Amino acid sequence: MKSSSVISAGIIALGMVISGFCLKAGIDNIAFRDREVTVRGLAEREVEANLVTWPITYSLAGNNLQTIYDQVSGNNAKIVKFLTSNGISDDEISVNPPDTYDATSNRYRSDSFSYNYSINCTVTVTTTKVAKVRELLNRQSELLKEGIAFSNSYINYQFTGLNSIKPEMIAEATKNARSAADQFAADSDSRVGKIKTASQGQFSIDDSDSSTPFIKKVRVVSTIVYYLED
């Protein structure tokens, strides 16, 4: 009986010691979890656009609608020939229906408009041949020689390969966030622990600058909360 009592007392004492260690660990853990740092990691890179939409727009005016439409057909054929003879394929070209203004049906027409009809026409190129389009933009004077007084609407350059660079950029943003956390921890005589929360910001794609819209800047910011340890 005495031996059993000693064993029981030993078990109780051991349990109390273990409980004490667990309680201390729990308290330390709570205190540890109250210490954290929020950092942001930025990743940026410049990429070239891989898709371009190029609208070539011109206008015609006159008093005979049939004559104007004949001119439209001739101009469209000249523009398409200019494009196809310089490396743009037919399936990359769309000829939009003309937009016609009939001044004779407008009772509020201004006397300054001396024609009965005006037509706005657009031939649009949509292609991945960005370098080729940039080359042709410098040769548009050839269309002027054909008698086509064109204007360029907004030329839209796009980058569609985001998925191919996402993993590397996320890894870079995370690495930069960790570097910021390490620096903060060093300045506060601490060390970085586990990640508490992490969130990835949205990717943004913008023009690098107004003079080079075919160069895009891709950007992402990751926000990470780390625990701090002594």
Protein backbone atom coordinates (compact mmCIF):
# COMPACT_ATOMS: atom_id res chain seq x y z
CA MET A 1 0.00 0.00 0.00
CA LYS A 2 2.80 2.37 0.88
CA SER A 3 4.52 1.65 -2.43
CA SER A 4 1.28 2.37 -4.31
CA SER A 5 0.89 5.69 -2.51
CA VAL A 6 4.42 6.72 -3.48
CA ILE A 7 3.80 5.84 -7.12
CA SER A 8 0.52 7.74 -7.13
CA ALA A 9 2.16 10.78 -5.58
CA GLY A 10 4.94 10.57 -8.17
CA ILE A 11 2.46 10.45 -11.02
CA ILE A 12 0.58 13.44 -9.62
CA ALA A 13 3.82 15.40 -9.20
CA LEU A 14 4.91 14.54 -12.73
CA GLY A 15 1.51 15.62 -14.04
CA MET A 16 1.82 18.94 -12.23
CA VAL A 17 5.28 19.52 -13.71
CA ILE A 18 4.04 18.73 -17.23
CA SER A 19 1.01 20.94 -16.71
CA GLY A 20 3.31 23.74 -15.58
CA PHE A 21 5.42 23.45 -18.69
CA CYS A 22 2.31 23.37 -20.87
CA LEU A 23 0.87 26.40 -19.11
CA LYS A 24 4.15 28.30 -19.56
CA ALA A 25 4.31 27.32 -23.23
CA GLY A 26 0.73 28.47 -23.69
CA ILE A 27 1.43 31.82 -22.04
CA ASP A 28 4.60 32.25 -24.09
CA ASN A 29 2.69 31.31 -27.21
CA ILE A 30 0.00 33.91 -26.52
CA ALA A 31 2.61 36.57 -25.90
CA PHE A 32 4.47 35.49 -29.01
CA ARG A 33 1.35 35.71 -31.13
CA ASP A 34 0.73 39.27 -29.99
CA ARG A 35 3.95 40.29 -31.69
CA GLU A 36 3.74 40.55 -35.44
CA VAL A 37 4.85 42.70 -38.35
CA THR A 38 3.00 43.50 -41.57
CA VAL A 39 5.18 43.96 -44.65
CA ARG A 40 4.60 44.41 -48.36
CA GLY A 41 6.66 42.96 -51.14
CA LEU A 42 6.70 44.56 -54.58
CA ALA A 43 7.54 42.87 -57.86
CA GLU A 44 7.76 44.76 -61.15
CA ARG A 45 8.95 43.98 -64.63
CA GLU A 46 8.74 45.47 -68.10
CA VAL A 47 7.43 43.36 -70.96
CA GLU A 48 6.71 44.00 -74.62
CA ALA A 49 3.11 43.99 -75.83
CA ASN A 50 2.21 40.87 -77.79
CA LEU A 51 -1.12 42.01 -79.24
CA VAL A 52 -2.06 45.25 -81.00
CA THR A 53 -5.32 46.68 -82.33
CA TRP A 54 -4.76 49.37 -84.97
CA PRO A 55 -7.76 51.25 -86.40
CA ILE A 56 -7.14 53.16 -89.65
CA THR A 57 -9.92 55.73 -90.02
CA TYR A 58 -10.79 58.12 -92.83
CA SER A 59 -13.74 60.28 -93.86
CA LEU A 60 -15.32 61.21 -97.17
CA ALA A 61 -17.96 63.80 -98.03
CA GLY A 62 -19.99 64.64 -101.14
CA ASN A 63 -23.40 65.17 -102.62
CA ASN A 64 -23.76 61.90 -104.50
CA LEU A 65 -24.07 58.92 -102.17
CA GLN A 66 -23.28 56.31 -104.81
CA THR A 67 -20.11 58.14 -105.81
CA ILE A 68 -18.97 58.28 -102.18
CA TYR A 69 -19.59 54.57 -101.67
CA ASP A 70 -17.53 53.81 -104.77
CA GLN A 71 -14.71 55.86 -103.25
CA VAL A 72 -15.08 53.93 -99.99
CA SER A 73 -14.72 50.60 -101.79
CA GLY A 74 -11.64 51.85 -103.62
CA ASN A 75 -10.01 53.24 -100.47
CA ASN A 76 -10.69 50.09 -98.47
CA ALA A 77 -9.13 47.98 -101.22
CA LYS A 78 -6.02 50.20 -101.23
CA ILE A 79 -5.66 49.98 -97.44
CA VAL A 80 -6.07 46.20 -97.42
CA LYS A 81 -3.52 45.87 -100.23
CA PHE A 82 -1.06 48.06 -98.32
CA LEU A 83 -1.45 45.84 -95.28
CA THR A 84 -1.40 42.42 -96.94
CA SER A 85 1.56 43.30 -99.16
CA ASN A 86 3.51 44.16 -96.02
CA GLY A 87 3.02 41.05 -93.92
CA ILE A 88 -0.47 41.45 -92.42
CA SER A 89 -2.76 38.52 -93.25
CA ASP A 90 -6.39 38.79 -94.34
CA ASP A 91 -7.68 37.20 -91.14
CA GLU A 92 -5.99 39.96 -89.14
CA ILE A 93 -7.89 42.69 -91.01
CA SER A 94 -11.52 43.70 -90.54
CA VAL A 95 -13.32 46.30 -92.65
CA ASN A 96 -15.98 47.91 -90.50
CA PRO A 97 -19.33 48.99 -91.99
CA PRO A 98 -19.23 52.70 -92.90
CA ASP A 99 -20.94 55.22 -90.66
CA THR A 100 -23.06 57.54 -92.82
CA TYR A 101 -24.34 61.00 -92.00
CA ASP A 102 -27.18 62.34 -94.14
CA ALA A 103 -27.30 66.12 -93.81
CA THR A 104 -30.40 66.37 -95.99
CA SER A 105 -32.46 64.66 -93.32
CA ASN A 106 -31.27 66.96 -90.55
CA ARG A 107 -33.45 70.05 -90.39
CA TYR A 108 -31.03 71.56 -87.88
CA ARG A 109 -28.06 71.22 -90.24
CA SER A 110 -25.50 74.01 -90.21
CA ASP A 111 -24.95 76.00 -93.37
CA SER A 112 -21.23 75.54 -92.80
CA PHE A 113 -21.59 71.90 -93.87
CA SER A 114 -21.62 72.19 -97.65
CA TYR A 115 -22.19 68.51 -98.53
CA ASN A 116 -25.24 66.33 -98.35
CA TYR A 117 -23.43 63.26 -97.09
CA SER A 118 -20.38 62.31 -95.09
CA ILE A 119 -19.06 58.81 -94.40
CA ASN A 120 -16.64 57.66 -91.71
CA CYS A 121 -14.80 54.42 -92.43
CA THR A 122 -12.48 52.24 -90.34
CA VAL A 123 -10.23 49.36 -91.32
CA THR A 124 -8.96 47.59 -88.19
CA VAL A 125 -5.87 45.44 -87.79
CA THR A 126 -5.75 43.02 -84.85
CA THR A 127 -2.53 41.04 -84.74
CA THR A 128 0.29 39.67 -82.63
CA LYS A 129 2.78 41.17 -85.11
CA VAL A 130 3.47 44.19 -82.95
CA ALA A 131 6.85 44.99 -84.51
CA LYS A 132 5.33 44.83 -87.99
CA VAL A 133 2.56 47.27 -87.06
CA ARG A 134 5.11 49.68 -85.59
CA GLU A 135 7.02 49.49 -88.88
CA LEU A 136 3.88 50.19 -90.94
CA LEU A 137 2.95 53.13 -88.74
CA ASN A 138 6.12 54.79 -89.99
CA ARG A 139 5.15 54.07 -93.60
CA GLN A 140 1.59 55.38 -93.58
CA SER A 141 2.57 58.19 -95.91
CA GLU A 142 2.25 55.59 -98.66
CA LEU A 143 -1.50 55.75 -98.11
CA LEU A 144 -1.44 59.51 -98.50
CA LYS A 145 0.12 59.01 -101.92
CA GLU A 146 -2.93 56.87 -102.74
CA GLY A 147 -5.18 59.80 -101.89
CA ILE A 148 -6.36 58.47 -98.52
CA ALA A 149 -6.43 61.14 -95.82
CA PHE A 150 -6.43 58.75 -92.86
CA SER A 151 -6.22 59.29 -89.13
CA ASN A 152 -5.16 56.87 -86.43
CA SER A 153 -7.63 56.30 -83.66
CA TYR A 154 -6.28 55.03 -80.36
CA ILE A 155 -3.84 52.19 -81.04
CA ASN A 156 -4.28 49.61 -78.30
CA TYR A 157 -1.24 47.57 -77.26
CA GLN A 158 -1.84 44.65 -74.91
CA PHE A 159 0.18 42.05 -73.04
CA THR A 160 -1.65 38.73 -72.81
CA GLY A 161 1.09 36.55 -71.30
CA LEU A 162 0.46 37.35 -67.65
CA ASN A 163 -0.07 33.73 -66.60
CA SER A 164 3.41 32.80 -67.81
CA ILE A 165 5.14 35.29 -65.49
CA LYS A 166 2.78 35.20 -62.49
CA PRO A 167 4.56 32.46 -60.49
CA GLU A 168 7.98 34.14 -60.75
CA MET A 169 6.57 37.55 -59.83
CA ILE A 170 4.67 36.21 -56.83
CA ALA A 171 7.84 34.47 -55.62
CA GLU A 172 9.79 37.71 -56.07
CA ALA A 173 7.18 39.75 -54.19
CA THR A 174 7.18 37.22 -51.34
CA LYS A 175 10.99 37.27 -51.18
CA ASN A 176 11.01 41.07 -51.03
CA ALA A 177 8.41 41.02 -48.26
CA ARG A 178 10.53 38.58 -46.24
CA SER A 179 13.59 40.85 -46.68
CA ALA A 180 11.60 43.77 -45.30
CA ALA A 181 10.45 41.65 -42.34
CA ASP A 182 14.01 40.50 -41.65
CA GLN A 183 15.20 44.08 -41.60
CA PHE A 184 12.42 45.12 -39.23
CA ALA A 185 13.18 42.19 -36.94
CA ALA A 186 16.89 43.00 -36.90
CA ASP A 187 16.15 46.62 -35.99
CA SER A 188 13.94 45.49 -33.10
CA ASP A 189 16.25 42.74 -31.79
CA SER A 190 13.81 40.03 -32.88
CA ARG A 191 13.65 37.34 -35.49
CA VAL A 192 10.98 36.50 -38.01
CA GLY A 193 8.71 33.58 -37.21
CA LYS A 194 5.99 31.85 -39.19
CA ILE A 195 3.56 33.55 -41.54
CA LYS A 196 0.30 34.54 -39.89
CA THR A 197 -1.56 35.71 -43.00
CA ALA A 198 -0.65 36.44 -46.59
CA SER A 199 -2.57 38.12 -49.37
CA GLN A 200 -1.65 38.71 -52.97
CA GLY A 201 -2.69 42.00 -54.52
CA GLN A 202 -4.09 42.28 -58.02
CA PHE A 203 -1.72 42.35 -60.96
CA SER A 204 -1.71 45.63 -62.86
CA ILE A 205 -0.53 46.17 -66.45
CA ASP A 206 0.11 49.76 -67.51
CA ASP A 207 2.06 51.61 -70.16
CA SER A 208 5.66 52.09 -69.16
CA ASP A 209 5.32 55.69 -70.37
CA SER A 210 3.27 57.67 -72.87
CA SER A 211 5.95 57.61 -75.57
CA THR A 212 6.31 53.81 -75.59
CA PRO A 213 2.81 52.32 -75.19
CA PHE A 214 4.07 49.02 -76.61
CA ILE A 215 6.21 48.54 -73.48
CA LYS A 216 4.13 47.48 -70.47
CA LYS A 217 4.92 47.56 -66.78
CA VAL A 218 3.52 44.60 -64.83
CA ARG A 219 3.21 45.11 -61.09
CA VAL A 220 2.01 43.13 -58.06
CA VAL A 221 2.20 43.75 -54.30
CA SER A 222 1.96 40.95 -51.73
CA THR A 223 1.00 41.72 -48.12
CA ILE A 224 2.32 39.29 -45.50
CA VAL A 225 1.96 39.28 -41.71
CA TYR A 226 4.80 37.50 -39.86
CA TYR A 227 5.05 36.56 -36.19
CA LEU A 228 8.05 37.96 -34.39
CA GLU A 229 10.12 35.92 -31.95
CA ASP A 230 12.82 36.87 -29.45
